[in-house]
């Protein structure tokens, strides 16, 4: 990128940052300010897209509780053996005797 292009982006980033600090981004029509700030920071290379993403929620406790009940009820379709959860936080179960894998639940979408 040319020096004058980077200079423009730095000035734009500065102005957008001042607008955010003044509270203009929190108004009803100010959503574009944060979006533009994010895009400019990524283009300048001072931020990664992942810096602005929200972290995923961890539901492994609920999944483990669900799977503990589910493996008691469901048996292997091939040999009738006992199923165990493949790993913590997983909705997949393995048969102890024949090794068959089963998906015993699914995650809901918003």
N, C-alpha and C. Protein backbone atom coordinates (compact mmCIF):
# COMPACT_ATOMS: atom_id res chain seq x y z
N UNK A 1 0.85 -1.17 0.00
CA UNK A 1 0.00 0.00 0.00
C UNK A 1 0.90 1.24 0.00
N UNK A 2 0.50 2.23 -0.73
CA UNK A 2 1.29 3.46 -0.81
C UNK A 2 1.24 4.21 0.52
N UNK A 3 2.26 5.03 0.73
CA UNK A 3 2.34 5.79 1.98
C UNK A 3 1.16 6.74 2.14
N UNK A 4 0.74 7.37 1.05
CA UNK A 4 -0.38 8.32 1.16
C UNK A 4 -1.69 7.59 1.45
N UNK A 5 -1.82 6.35 0.96
CA UNK A 5 -3.01 5.55 1.26
C UNK A 5 -3.05 5.16 2.73
N UNK A 6 -1.89 4.76 3.26
CA UNK A 6 -1.82 4.40 4.68
C UNK A 6 -2.06 5.63 5.55
N UNK A 7 -1.51 6.76 5.11
CA UNK A 7 -1.70 8.01 5.87
C UNK A 7 -3.18 8.35 5.97
N UNK A 8 -3.90 8.19 4.85
CA UNK A 8 -5.34 8.46 4.83
C UNK A 8 -6.07 7.52 5.79
N UNK A 9 -5.69 6.22 5.76
CA UNK A 9 -6.35 5.25 6.63
C UNK A 9 -6.09 5.56 8.11
N UNK A 10 -4.87 5.99 8.45
CA UNK A 10 -4.56 6.35 9.83
C UNK A 10 -5.38 7.55 10.27
N UNK A 11 -5.52 8.55 9.40
CA UNK A 11 -6.35 9.72 9.74
C UNK A 11 -7.81 9.31 9.92
N UNK A 12 -8.27 8.46 9.03
CA UNK A 12 -9.66 7.99 9.12
C UNK A 12 -9.88 7.21 10.42
N UNK A 13 -8.92 6.36 10.77
CA UNK A 13 -9.01 5.59 12.02
C UNK A 13 -9.05 6.53 13.22
N UNK A 14 -8.24 7.57 13.19
CA UNK A 14 -8.21 8.55 14.27
C UNK A 14 -9.55 9.26 14.39
N UNK A 15 -10.11 9.70 13.27
CA UNK A 15 -11.39 10.41 13.30
C UNK A 15 -12.52 9.50 13.79
N UNK A 16 -12.51 8.26 13.32
CA UNK A 16 -13.54 7.31 13.76
C UNK A 16 -13.41 7.03 15.25
N UNK A 17 -12.18 6.91 15.73
CA UNK A 17 -11.95 6.69 17.16
C UNK A 17 -12.45 7.86 17.99
N UNK A 18 -12.25 9.08 17.50
CA UNK A 18 -12.76 10.25 18.21
C UNK A 18 -14.28 10.27 18.22
N UNK A 19 -14.89 9.83 17.11
CA UNK A 19 -16.35 9.78 17.05
C UNK A 19 -16.89 8.76 18.05
N UNK A 20 -16.21 7.63 18.17
CA UNK A 20 -16.62 6.61 19.14
C UNK A 20 -16.48 7.16 20.56
N UNK A 21 -15.36 7.85 20.82
CA UNK A 21 -15.12 8.41 22.16
C UNK A 21 -16.15 9.47 22.51
N UNK A 22 -16.61 10.21 21.52
CA UNK A 22 -17.64 11.24 21.75
C UNK A 22 -19.02 10.66 21.95
N UNK A 23 -19.19 9.37 21.66
CA UNK A 23 -20.48 8.71 21.88
C UNK A 23 -21.37 8.70 20.66
N UNK A 24 -20.85 9.13 19.51
CA UNK A 24 -21.68 9.15 18.30
C UNK A 24 -22.01 7.74 17.82
N UNK A 25 -21.15 6.78 18.11
CA UNK A 25 -21.39 5.41 17.67
C UNK A 25 -22.51 4.74 18.46
N UNK A 26 -22.86 5.29 19.61
CA UNK A 26 -23.91 4.70 20.44
C UNK A 26 -25.30 5.22 20.10
N UNK A 27 -25.36 6.20 19.20
CA UNK A 27 -26.67 6.72 18.78
C UNK A 27 -27.32 5.74 17.82
N UNK A 28 -28.58 5.97 17.52
CA UNK A 28 -29.34 5.01 16.72
C UNK A 28 -28.78 4.84 15.30
N UNK A 29 -28.23 5.87 14.71
CA UNK A 29 -27.70 5.76 13.35
C UNK A 29 -26.17 5.72 13.32
N UNK A 30 -25.54 5.34 14.42
CA UNK A 30 -24.09 5.36 14.51
C UNK A 30 -23.42 4.01 14.39
N UNK A 31 -24.17 2.99 14.01
CA UNK A 31 -23.59 1.65 13.91
C UNK A 31 -22.49 1.59 12.86
N UNK A 32 -22.61 2.38 11.81
CA UNK A 32 -21.63 2.36 10.74
C UNK A 32 -20.25 2.80 11.21
N UNK A 33 -20.18 3.60 12.30
CA UNK A 33 -18.91 4.12 12.79
C UNK A 33 -18.04 2.98 13.32
N UNK A 34 -18.61 2.14 14.16
CA UNK A 34 -17.85 1.00 14.69
C UNK A 34 -17.47 0.02 13.57
N UNK A 35 -18.38 -0.19 12.63
CA UNK A 35 -18.11 -1.10 11.53
C UNK A 35 -16.96 -0.57 10.67
N UNK A 36 -16.97 0.71 10.38
CA UNK A 36 -15.91 1.32 9.58
C UNK A 36 -14.57 1.30 10.33
N UNK A 37 -14.62 1.53 11.65
CA UNK A 37 -13.41 1.49 12.48
C UNK A 37 -12.80 0.09 12.43
N UNK A 38 -13.65 -0.93 12.57
CA UNK A 38 -13.21 -2.32 12.53
C UNK A 38 -12.54 -2.64 11.19
N UNK A 39 -13.18 -2.27 10.09
CA UNK A 39 -12.65 -2.55 8.75
C UNK A 39 -11.34 -1.82 8.50
N UNK A 40 -11.24 -0.58 8.96
CA UNK A 40 -10.02 0.20 8.78
C UNK A 40 -8.87 -0.39 9.59
N UNK A 41 -9.14 -0.79 10.82
CA UNK A 41 -8.10 -1.38 11.66
C UNK A 41 -7.58 -2.68 11.06
N UNK A 42 -8.47 -3.47 10.50
CA UNK A 42 -8.07 -4.73 9.86
C UNK A 42 -7.24 -4.44 8.61
N UNK A 43 -7.65 -3.46 7.82
CA UNK A 43 -6.93 -3.11 6.60
C UNK A 43 -5.53 -2.57 6.90
N UNK A 44 -5.39 -1.84 7.99
CA UNK A 44 -4.08 -1.34 8.38
C UNK A 44 -3.19 -2.43 8.97
N UNK A 45 -3.79 -3.54 9.37
CA UNK A 45 -3.03 -4.65 9.91
C UNK A 45 -2.78 -4.55 11.40
N UNK A 46 -3.47 -3.65 12.09
CA UNK A 46 -3.28 -3.53 13.54
C UNK A 46 -4.28 -4.39 14.31
N UNK A 47 -5.20 -5.02 13.60
CA UNK A 47 -6.18 -5.91 14.24
C UNK A 47 -6.49 -7.05 13.28
N UNK A 48 -6.89 -8.18 13.86
CA UNK A 48 -7.31 -9.33 13.08
C UNK A 48 -8.84 -9.40 13.14
N UNK A 49 -9.47 -10.01 12.15
CA UNK A 49 -10.93 -10.15 12.21
C UNK A 49 -11.40 -10.87 13.47
N UNK A 50 -10.60 -11.81 13.96
CA UNK A 50 -11.00 -12.57 15.14
C UNK A 50 -10.99 -11.72 16.41
N UNK A 51 -10.30 -10.57 16.40
CA UNK A 51 -10.28 -9.69 17.57
C UNK A 51 -11.65 -9.09 17.87
N UNK A 52 -12.51 -9.04 16.87
CA UNK A 52 -13.81 -8.39 17.03
C UNK A 52 -14.95 -9.37 17.18
N UNK A 53 -14.67 -10.67 17.11
CA UNK A 53 -15.73 -11.68 17.26
C UNK A 53 -15.99 -11.95 18.73
N UNK A 54 -17.23 -12.29 19.01
CA UNK A 54 -17.59 -12.68 20.37
C UNK A 54 -17.17 -14.14 20.58
N UNK A 55 -16.66 -14.46 21.75
CA UNK A 55 -16.28 -15.85 22.01
C UNK A 55 -17.52 -16.75 22.10
N UNK A 56 -17.36 -17.99 21.69
CA UNK A 56 -18.47 -18.94 21.76
C UNK A 56 -18.80 -19.26 23.21
N UNK A 57 -20.07 -19.47 23.46
CA UNK A 57 -20.50 -19.85 24.80
C UNK A 57 -20.20 -21.33 25.02
N UNK A 58 -19.82 -21.66 26.22
CA UNK A 58 -19.49 -23.04 26.56
C UNK A 58 -20.70 -23.69 27.23
N UNK A 59 -21.27 -24.67 26.55
CA UNK A 59 -22.45 -25.37 27.07
C UNK A 59 -22.11 -26.81 27.44
N UNK A 60 -20.84 -27.10 27.68
CA UNK A 60 -20.45 -28.49 27.89
C UNK A 60 -21.08 -29.08 29.16
N UNK A 61 -21.32 -28.30 30.19
CA UNK A 61 -21.96 -28.81 31.42
C UNK A 61 -23.36 -29.33 31.10
N UNK A 62 -24.14 -28.53 30.36
CA UNK A 62 -25.49 -28.97 29.99
C UNK A 62 -25.45 -30.19 29.07
N UNK A 63 -24.48 -30.20 28.15
CA UNK A 63 -24.36 -31.33 27.23
C UNK A 63 -23.99 -32.59 28.00
N UNK A 64 -23.04 -32.47 28.92
CA UNK A 64 -22.63 -33.64 29.72
C UNK A 64 -23.79 -34.19 30.55
N UNK A 65 -24.60 -33.31 31.14
CA UNK A 65 -25.76 -33.74 31.92
C UNK A 65 -26.77 -34.45 31.02
N UNK A 66 -27.01 -33.88 29.82
CA UNK A 66 -27.94 -34.47 28.86
C UNK A 66 -27.44 -35.86 28.43
N UNK A 67 -26.16 -35.96 28.13
CA UNK A 67 -25.60 -37.21 27.64
C UNK A 67 -25.57 -38.29 28.73
N UNK A 68 -25.38 -37.90 29.99
CA UNK A 68 -25.39 -38.88 31.08
C UNK A 68 -26.74 -39.59 31.15
N UNK A 69 -27.81 -38.84 30.96
CA UNK A 69 -29.16 -39.43 30.97
C UNK A 69 -29.42 -40.22 29.68
N UNK A 70 -28.95 -39.68 28.56
CA UNK A 70 -29.23 -40.28 27.25
C UNK A 70 -28.55 -41.64 27.08
N UNK A 71 -27.30 -41.78 27.53
CA UNK A 71 -26.61 -43.07 27.37
C UNK A 71 -27.20 -44.16 28.26
N UNK A 72 -27.90 -43.77 29.33
CA UNK A 72 -28.58 -44.76 30.16
C UNK A 72 -29.77 -45.37 29.42
N UNK A 73 -30.44 -44.54 28.60
CA UNK A 73 -31.66 -44.97 27.91
C UNK A 73 -31.35 -45.70 26.61
N UNK A 74 -30.41 -45.20 25.82
CA UNK A 74 -30.14 -45.73 24.48
C UNK A 74 -29.08 -46.83 24.55
N UNK A 75 -29.32 -47.89 23.81
CA UNK A 75 -28.36 -49.00 23.68
C UNK A 75 -27.89 -49.07 22.23
N UNK A 76 -26.80 -49.80 22.00
CA UNK A 76 -26.23 -49.96 20.67
C UNK A 76 -27.22 -50.69 19.76
N UNK A 77 -27.40 -50.22 18.54
CA UNK A 77 -28.34 -50.85 17.61
C UNK A 77 -27.76 -52.13 17.02
N UNK A 78 -26.43 -52.23 16.96
CA UNK A 78 -25.80 -53.41 16.35
C UNK A 78 -25.72 -54.59 17.31
N UNK A 79 -25.20 -54.32 18.52
CA UNK A 79 -24.96 -55.44 19.45
C UNK A 79 -25.75 -55.31 20.76
N UNK A 80 -26.41 -54.18 20.99
CA UNK A 80 -27.15 -53.99 22.23
C UNK A 80 -26.27 -53.62 23.41
N UNK A 81 -25.02 -53.26 23.14
CA UNK A 81 -24.08 -52.94 24.20
C UNK A 81 -24.31 -51.55 24.80
N UNK A 82 -23.53 -51.28 25.82
CA UNK A 82 -23.63 -50.01 26.54
C UNK A 82 -22.88 -48.92 25.78
N UNK A 83 -23.45 -47.71 25.79
CA UNK A 83 -22.82 -46.56 25.13
C UNK A 83 -22.17 -45.65 26.16
N UNK A 84 -21.05 -45.02 25.76
CA UNK A 84 -20.37 -44.05 26.61
C UNK A 84 -20.10 -42.80 25.77
N UNK A 85 -20.13 -41.65 26.41
CA UNK A 85 -19.86 -40.39 25.73
C UNK A 85 -18.42 -40.41 25.21
N UNK A 86 -18.22 -39.99 23.95
CA UNK A 86 -16.90 -40.10 23.34
C UNK A 86 -15.89 -39.15 23.99
N UNK A 87 -16.30 -37.95 24.34
CA UNK A 87 -15.46 -37.02 25.10
C UNK A 87 -16.35 -35.97 25.73
N UNK A 88 -15.81 -35.23 26.69
CA UNK A 88 -16.59 -34.21 27.39
C UNK A 88 -17.08 -33.15 26.41
N UNK A 89 -18.33 -32.75 26.56
CA UNK A 89 -18.90 -31.71 25.71
C UNK A 89 -19.35 -32.20 24.36
N UNK A 90 -19.27 -33.49 24.11
CA UNK A 90 -19.63 -34.05 22.82
C UNK A 90 -21.02 -34.69 22.88
N UNK A 91 -21.72 -34.64 21.77
CA UNK A 91 -23.02 -35.28 21.67
C UNK A 91 -22.92 -36.65 20.99
N UNK A 92 -21.71 -37.14 20.87
CA UNK A 92 -21.46 -38.43 20.22
C UNK A 92 -21.14 -39.47 21.29
N UNK A 93 -21.67 -40.68 21.09
CA UNK A 93 -21.42 -41.79 22.02
C UNK A 93 -20.85 -42.97 21.26
N UNK A 94 -19.98 -43.73 21.92
CA UNK A 94 -19.36 -44.92 21.34
C UNK A 94 -19.86 -46.15 22.09
N UNK A 95 -20.00 -47.24 21.36
CA UNK A 95 -20.36 -48.52 21.98
C UNK A 95 -19.10 -49.11 22.60
N UNK A 96 -19.23 -49.60 23.84
CA UNK A 96 -18.08 -50.19 24.53
C UNK A 96 -17.62 -51.49 23.88
N UNK A 97 -18.56 -52.29 23.39
CA UNK A 97 -18.19 -53.62 22.89
C UNK A 97 -17.82 -53.63 21.40
N UNK A 98 -18.62 -53.00 20.54
CA UNK A 98 -18.33 -53.10 19.09
C UNK A 98 -17.70 -51.84 18.51
N UNK A 99 -17.70 -50.73 19.24
CA UNK A 99 -17.04 -49.50 18.77
C UNK A 99 -17.88 -48.65 17.83
N UNK A 100 -19.14 -48.97 17.64
CA UNK A 100 -19.99 -48.17 16.76
C UNK A 100 -20.22 -46.79 17.37
N UNK A 101 -20.36 -45.77 16.51
CA UNK A 101 -20.55 -44.39 16.98
C UNK A 101 -21.98 -43.94 16.68
N UNK A 102 -22.56 -43.18 17.62
CA UNK A 102 -23.91 -42.67 17.46
C UNK A 102 -23.97 -41.22 17.91
N UNK A 103 -24.71 -40.44 17.16
CA UNK A 103 -24.96 -39.05 17.56
C UNK A 103 -26.28 -39.04 18.30
N UNK A 104 -26.24 -38.72 19.60
CA UNK A 104 -27.42 -38.86 20.45
C UNK A 104 -28.17 -37.55 20.68
N UNK A 105 -27.73 -36.49 20.10
CA UNK A 105 -28.42 -35.21 20.27
C UNK A 105 -27.94 -34.24 19.21
N UNK A 106 -28.52 -33.08 19.23
CA UNK A 106 -28.06 -32.05 18.29
C UNK A 106 -28.18 -30.69 18.94
N UNK A 107 -27.34 -29.80 18.53
CA UNK A 107 -27.36 -28.46 19.08
C UNK A 107 -28.43 -27.65 18.40
N UNK A 108 -29.15 -26.87 19.19
CA UNK A 108 -30.19 -26.02 18.64
C UNK A 108 -29.61 -24.72 18.09
N UNK A 109 -30.28 -24.17 17.13
CA UNK A 109 -29.87 -22.89 16.56
C UNK A 109 -30.77 -21.79 17.10
N UNK A 110 -30.21 -20.58 17.05
CA UNK A 110 -30.99 -19.44 17.54
C UNK A 110 -32.11 -19.10 16.60
